[in-house]
Amino acid sequence: ELFLEVLLSYILGLIHKKLSGAWDVRDAAMESRIVMVRTVLGQALAGSCIGTILAVIFPDTNTLSGVGATLLAGGIGYLYSLLIAGVQVAVELPAVRPGDPPFNNP
């Protein structure tokens, strides 16, 4: 109960700080860490959600037994989280400019 209270207070503090524009130069390193944590957490949550949904659906449809469904769903969830990470990396890469080396050959 106390942990949840502290966690919510911290999250609300971050939201207030972000909305009020109170980020200063000292927080630039902290912001890069938050972006990295948000990316990894989003990847893990996406994979675990897909894995959990499939682990419930497989036994309900009589496709696989409990253990087989859990293993297969975990593997699919892991592959989905890797796919999400790959998409995130592709989105965050800087765009190719026309003057970059492959395009400036005489």
N, C-alpha and C. Protein backbone atom coordinates (compact mmCIF):
# COMPACT_ATOMS: atom_id res chain seq x y z
N GLU A 1 0.83 -1.18 0.00
CA GLU A 1 0.00 0.00 0.00
C GLU A 1 0.88 1.25 0.00
N LEU A 2 1.91 1.25 0.81
CA LEU A 2 2.81 2.40 0.87
C LEU A 2 3.60 2.52 -0.43
N PHE A 3 4.00 1.39 -1.00
CA PHE A 3 4.76 1.40 -2.26
C PHE A 3 3.94 2.05 -3.37
N LEU A 4 2.67 1.67 -3.47
CA LEU A 4 1.81 2.23 -4.50
C LEU A 4 1.63 3.73 -4.32
N GLU A 5 1.50 4.17 -3.08
CA GLU A 5 1.36 5.59 -2.79
C GLU A 5 2.61 6.37 -3.22
N VAL A 6 3.78 5.84 -2.91
CA VAL A 6 5.04 6.50 -3.27
C VAL A 6 5.21 6.50 -4.78
N LEU A 7 4.89 5.38 -5.43
CA LEU A 7 5.02 5.28 -6.88
C LEU A 7 4.11 6.28 -7.58
N LEU A 8 2.86 6.36 -7.16
CA LEU A 8 1.94 7.31 -7.78
C LEU A 8 2.38 8.75 -7.54
N SER A 9 2.90 9.04 -6.36
CA SER A 9 3.40 10.38 -6.07
C SER A 9 4.57 10.73 -6.98
N TYR A 10 5.46 9.79 -7.20
CA TYR A 10 6.62 10.01 -8.07
C TYR A 10 6.17 10.24 -9.51
N ILE A 11 5.23 9.43 -9.98
CA ILE A 11 4.75 9.56 -11.36
C ILE A 11 4.04 10.90 -11.54
N LEU A 12 3.21 11.28 -10.57
CA LEU A 12 2.53 12.58 -10.66
C LEU A 12 3.53 13.73 -10.63
N GLY A 13 4.59 13.59 -9.84
CA GLY A 13 5.64 14.61 -9.82
C GLY A 13 6.32 14.75 -11.17
N LEU A 14 6.60 13.62 -11.82
CA LEU A 14 7.22 13.67 -13.15
C LEU A 14 6.29 14.31 -14.17
N ILE A 15 5.01 13.96 -14.11
CA ILE A 15 4.05 14.54 -15.05
C ILE A 15 3.95 16.05 -14.83
N HIS A 16 3.88 16.46 -13.57
CA HIS A 16 3.80 17.90 -13.27
C HIS A 16 5.04 18.63 -13.75
N LYS A 17 6.19 18.02 -13.52
CA LYS A 17 7.46 18.64 -13.93
C LYS A 17 7.52 18.78 -15.45
N LYS A 18 7.07 17.75 -16.15
CA LYS A 18 7.08 17.77 -17.62
C LYS A 18 6.10 18.82 -18.15
N LEU A 19 4.91 18.87 -17.58
CA LEU A 19 3.90 19.82 -18.06
C LEU A 19 4.26 21.27 -17.72
N SER A 20 4.91 21.47 -16.61
CA SER A 20 5.25 22.84 -16.22
C SER A 20 6.50 23.35 -16.91
N GLY A 21 7.18 22.51 -17.67
CA GLY A 21 8.38 22.92 -18.38
C GLY A 21 9.56 23.13 -17.46
N ALA A 22 9.61 22.44 -16.35
CA ALA A 22 10.66 22.64 -15.37
C ALA A 22 11.90 21.80 -15.64
N TRP A 23 11.97 21.13 -16.79
CA TRP A 23 13.18 20.36 -17.10
C TRP A 23 14.30 21.34 -17.39
N ASP A 24 15.42 21.18 -16.76
CA ASP A 24 16.56 22.05 -17.03
C ASP A 24 17.70 21.21 -17.59
N VAL A 25 18.85 21.81 -17.74
CA VAL A 25 20.00 21.14 -18.36
C VAL A 25 20.43 19.92 -17.55
N ARG A 26 20.30 20.00 -16.24
CA ARG A 26 20.72 18.87 -15.41
C ARG A 26 19.86 17.64 -15.66
N ASP A 27 18.64 17.85 -16.12
CA ASP A 27 17.72 16.73 -16.32
C ASP A 27 17.84 16.09 -17.70
N ALA A 28 18.74 16.57 -18.55
CA ALA A 28 18.89 16.00 -19.90
C ALA A 28 19.33 14.54 -19.81
N ALA A 29 20.28 14.23 -18.92
CA ALA A 29 20.73 12.85 -18.76
C ALA A 29 19.61 11.99 -18.20
N MET A 30 18.85 12.55 -17.28
CA MET A 30 17.72 11.83 -16.69
C MET A 30 16.65 11.55 -17.74
N GLU A 31 16.43 12.51 -18.64
CA GLU A 31 15.43 12.32 -19.69
C GLU A 31 15.84 11.20 -20.64
N SER A 32 17.13 11.11 -20.98
CA SER A 32 17.59 10.04 -21.87
C SER A 32 17.43 8.68 -21.19
N ARG A 33 17.63 8.63 -19.88
CA ARG A 33 17.41 7.37 -19.15
C ARG A 33 15.93 7.01 -19.14
N ILE A 34 15.09 8.02 -18.95
CA ILE A 34 13.65 7.76 -18.93
C ILE A 34 13.18 7.25 -20.29
N VAL A 35 13.71 7.82 -21.36
CA VAL A 35 13.34 7.37 -22.70
C VAL A 35 13.77 5.91 -22.90
N MET A 36 14.97 5.56 -22.44
CA MET A 36 15.44 4.19 -22.59
C MET A 36 14.58 3.23 -21.76
N VAL A 37 14.28 3.61 -20.53
CA VAL A 37 13.46 2.76 -19.67
C VAL A 37 12.06 2.61 -20.26
N ARG A 38 11.51 3.70 -20.79
CA ARG A 38 10.18 3.64 -21.39
C ARG A 38 10.18 2.71 -22.60
N THR A 39 11.24 2.72 -23.40
CA THR A 39 11.33 1.85 -24.56
C THR A 39 11.38 0.39 -24.15
N VAL A 40 12.24 0.08 -23.19
CA VAL A 40 12.38 -1.31 -22.74
C VAL A 40 11.11 -1.78 -22.05
N LEU A 41 10.52 -0.93 -21.23
CA LEU A 41 9.29 -1.30 -20.53
C LEU A 41 8.15 -1.52 -21.53
N GLY A 42 8.05 -0.67 -22.53
CA GLY A 42 7.01 -0.85 -23.55
C GLY A 42 7.21 -2.13 -24.32
N GLN A 43 8.45 -2.45 -24.63
CA GLN A 43 8.75 -3.70 -25.32
C GLN A 43 8.35 -4.90 -24.48
N ALA A 44 8.72 -4.88 -23.21
CA ALA A 44 8.40 -6.00 -22.32
C ALA A 44 6.90 -6.13 -22.10
N LEU A 45 6.21 -5.02 -21.94
CA LEU A 45 4.76 -5.08 -21.74
C LEU A 45 4.04 -5.58 -22.97
N ALA A 46 4.47 -5.17 -24.15
CA ALA A 46 3.84 -5.64 -25.38
C ALA A 46 4.01 -7.15 -25.53
N GLY A 47 5.21 -7.64 -25.31
CA GLY A 47 5.45 -9.08 -25.41
C GLY A 47 4.72 -9.88 -24.37
N SER A 48 4.67 -9.37 -23.14
CA SER A 48 3.99 -10.11 -22.08
C SER A 48 2.48 -10.11 -22.27
N CYS A 49 1.94 -9.03 -22.80
CA CYS A 49 0.49 -9.00 -23.08
C CYS A 49 0.12 -10.02 -24.15
N ILE A 50 0.86 -10.06 -25.22
CA ILE A 50 0.58 -11.03 -26.28
C ILE A 50 0.75 -12.45 -25.74
N GLY A 51 1.82 -12.68 -24.98
CA GLY A 51 2.04 -14.00 -24.42
C GLY A 51 0.93 -14.43 -23.48
N THR A 52 0.45 -13.53 -22.65
CA THR A 52 -0.63 -13.85 -21.71
C THR A 52 -1.92 -14.14 -22.44
N ILE A 53 -2.24 -13.33 -23.43
CA ILE A 53 -3.47 -13.57 -24.21
C ILE A 53 -3.42 -14.93 -24.88
N LEU A 54 -2.30 -15.25 -25.50
CA LEU A 54 -2.18 -16.54 -26.19
C LEU A 54 -2.17 -17.71 -25.21
N ALA A 55 -1.58 -17.52 -24.03
CA ALA A 55 -1.55 -18.59 -23.04
C ALA A 55 -2.95 -18.91 -22.54
N VAL A 56 -3.85 -17.96 -22.60
CA VAL A 56 -5.24 -18.21 -22.20
C VAL A 56 -6.04 -18.77 -23.37
N ILE A 57 -5.78 -18.26 -24.57
CA ILE A 57 -6.57 -18.68 -25.73
C ILE A 57 -6.26 -20.11 -26.16
N PHE A 58 -5.00 -20.53 -26.17
CA PHE A 58 -4.64 -21.86 -26.64
C PHE A 58 -5.35 -22.98 -25.89
N PRO A 59 -5.35 -23.01 -24.56
CA PRO A 59 -6.08 -24.09 -23.88
C PRO A 59 -7.60 -23.99 -24.04
N ASP A 60 -8.13 -22.77 -24.13
CA ASP A 60 -9.58 -22.61 -24.30
C ASP A 60 -10.08 -23.14 -25.63
N THR A 61 -9.25 -23.06 -26.66
CA THR A 61 -9.66 -23.55 -27.97
C THR A 61 -9.23 -25.01 -28.19
N ASN A 62 -8.73 -25.65 -27.14
CA ASN A 62 -8.26 -27.04 -27.21
C ASN A 62 -7.16 -27.23 -28.25
N THR A 63 -6.36 -26.19 -28.47
CA THR A 63 -5.24 -26.27 -29.40
C THR A 63 -4.06 -26.96 -28.75
N LEU A 64 -3.71 -26.54 -27.55
CA LEU A 64 -2.57 -27.09 -26.82
C LEU A 64 -2.95 -27.28 -25.36
N SER A 65 -2.16 -28.10 -24.68
CA SER A 65 -2.36 -28.27 -23.24
C SER A 65 -1.80 -27.06 -22.49
N GLY A 66 -1.92 -27.04 -21.19
CA GLY A 66 -1.48 -25.90 -20.39
C GLY A 66 0.00 -25.60 -20.51
N VAL A 67 0.84 -26.62 -20.39
CA VAL A 67 2.30 -26.40 -20.43
C VAL A 67 2.74 -26.02 -21.84
N GLY A 68 2.24 -26.72 -22.83
CA GLY A 68 2.60 -26.41 -24.22
C GLY A 68 2.14 -25.02 -24.62
N ALA A 69 0.94 -24.67 -24.18
CA ALA A 69 0.41 -23.34 -24.49
C ALA A 69 1.25 -22.26 -23.83
N THR A 70 1.66 -22.50 -22.60
CA THR A 70 2.47 -21.52 -21.89
C THR A 70 3.83 -21.34 -22.57
N LEU A 71 4.45 -22.43 -22.95
CA LEU A 71 5.76 -22.34 -23.61
C LEU A 71 5.66 -21.66 -24.97
N LEU A 72 4.67 -22.06 -25.77
CA LEU A 72 4.51 -21.47 -27.09
C LEU A 72 4.14 -19.99 -26.99
N ALA A 73 3.23 -19.67 -26.09
CA ALA A 73 2.81 -18.28 -25.92
C ALA A 73 3.97 -17.42 -25.42
N GLY A 74 4.80 -17.96 -24.53
CA GLY A 74 5.97 -17.22 -24.06
C GLY A 74 6.95 -16.95 -25.18
N GLY A 75 7.17 -17.95 -26.03
CA GLY A 75 8.06 -17.77 -27.19
C GLY A 75 7.53 -16.75 -28.17
N ILE A 76 6.23 -16.83 -28.45
CA ILE A 76 5.64 -15.85 -29.38
C ILE A 76 5.68 -14.45 -28.77
N GLY A 77 5.41 -14.34 -27.47
CA GLY A 77 5.50 -13.04 -26.81
C GLY A 77 6.90 -12.47 -26.85
N TYR A 78 7.90 -13.34 -26.67
CA TYR A 78 9.29 -12.89 -26.74
C TYR A 78 9.64 -12.41 -28.15
N LEU A 79 9.23 -13.16 -29.17
CA LEU A 79 9.50 -12.74 -30.55
C LEU A 79 8.78 -11.44 -30.88
N TYR A 80 7.57 -11.28 -30.36
CA TYR A 80 6.83 -10.04 -30.59
C TYR A 80 7.54 -8.86 -29.92
N SER A 81 8.09 -9.07 -28.73
CA SER A 81 8.81 -7.99 -28.06
C SER A 81 10.08 -7.63 -28.84
N LEU A 82 10.74 -8.61 -29.45
CA LEU A 82 11.91 -8.30 -30.29
C LEU A 82 11.49 -7.53 -31.53
N LEU A 83 10.34 -7.88 -32.10
CA LEU A 83 9.83 -7.14 -33.25
C LEU A 83 9.55 -5.69 -32.87
N ILE A 84 8.95 -5.49 -31.71
CA ILE A 84 8.67 -4.13 -31.23
C ILE A 84 9.98 -3.36 -31.04
N ALA A 85 11.00 -4.01 -30.50
CA ALA A 85 12.29 -3.35 -30.31
C ALA A 85 12.91 -2.98 -31.65
N GLY A 86 12.80 -3.86 -32.64
CA GLY A 86 13.33 -3.56 -33.97
C GLY A 86 12.62 -2.38 -34.62
N VAL A 87 11.31 -2.33 -34.47
CA VAL A 87 10.55 -1.20 -35.02
C VAL A 87 10.95 0.09 -34.30
N GLN A 88 11.13 0.02 -33.00
CA GLN A 88 11.52 1.20 -32.23
C GLN A 88 12.88 1.71 -32.68
N VAL A 89 13.82 0.82 -32.91
CA VAL A 89 15.16 1.22 -33.37
C VAL A 89 15.06 1.84 -34.76
N ALA A 90 14.25 1.23 -35.63
CA ALA A 90 14.10 1.76 -36.99
C ALA A 90 13.46 3.14 -36.97
N VAL A 91 12.54 3.37 -36.07
CA VAL A 91 11.87 4.67 -36.00
C VAL A 91 12.80 5.73 -35.44
N GLU A 92 13.67 5.36 -34.52
CA GLU A 92 14.55 6.33 -33.89
C GLU A 92 15.82 6.64 -34.67
N LEU A 93 16.12 5.88 -35.73
CA LEU A 93 17.31 6.16 -36.52
C LEU A 93 17.16 7.50 -37.24
N PRO A 94 18.25 8.24 -37.36
CA PRO A 94 18.15 9.51 -38.08
C PRO A 94 17.88 9.28 -39.56
N ALA A 95 17.18 10.20 -40.16
CA ALA A 95 16.84 10.08 -41.59
C ALA A 95 18.09 10.25 -42.45
N VAL A 96 18.11 9.59 -43.60
CA VAL A 96 19.23 9.70 -44.54
C VAL A 96 19.06 10.99 -45.33
N ARG A 97 20.11 11.77 -45.36
CA ARG A 97 20.08 13.03 -46.11
C ARG A 97 20.67 12.79 -47.51
N PRO A 98 20.28 13.59 -48.49
CA PRO A 98 20.81 13.39 -49.84
C PRO A 98 22.33 13.55 -49.95
N GLY A 99 22.96 14.31 -49.06
CA GLY A 99 24.40 14.52 -49.14
C GLY A 99 25.22 13.45 -48.43
N ASP A 100 24.58 12.44 -47.88
CA ASP A 100 25.32 11.39 -47.19
C ASP A 100 26.09 10.52 -48.18
N PRO A 101 27.14 9.80 -47.74
CA PRO A 101 28.07 9.10 -48.63
C PRO A 101 27.47 8.21 -49.73
N PRO A 102 26.47 7.41 -49.54
CA PRO A 102 26.04 6.57 -50.67
C PRO A 102 25.47 7.37 -51.84
N PHE A 103 25.02 8.59 -51.61
CA PHE A 103 24.34 9.36 -52.64
C PHE A 103 25.20 10.45 -53.27
N ASN A 104 26.40 10.71 -52.75
CA ASN A 104 27.19 11.82 -53.27
C ASN A 104 28.33 11.37 -54.17
N ASN A 105 28.19 10.21 -54.81
CA ASN A 105 29.24 9.76 -55.74
C ASN A 105 29.20 10.59 -57.01
N PRO A 106 30.39 10.99 -57.52
CA PRO A 106 30.40 11.82 -58.75
C PRO A 106 30.09 11.03 -59.99
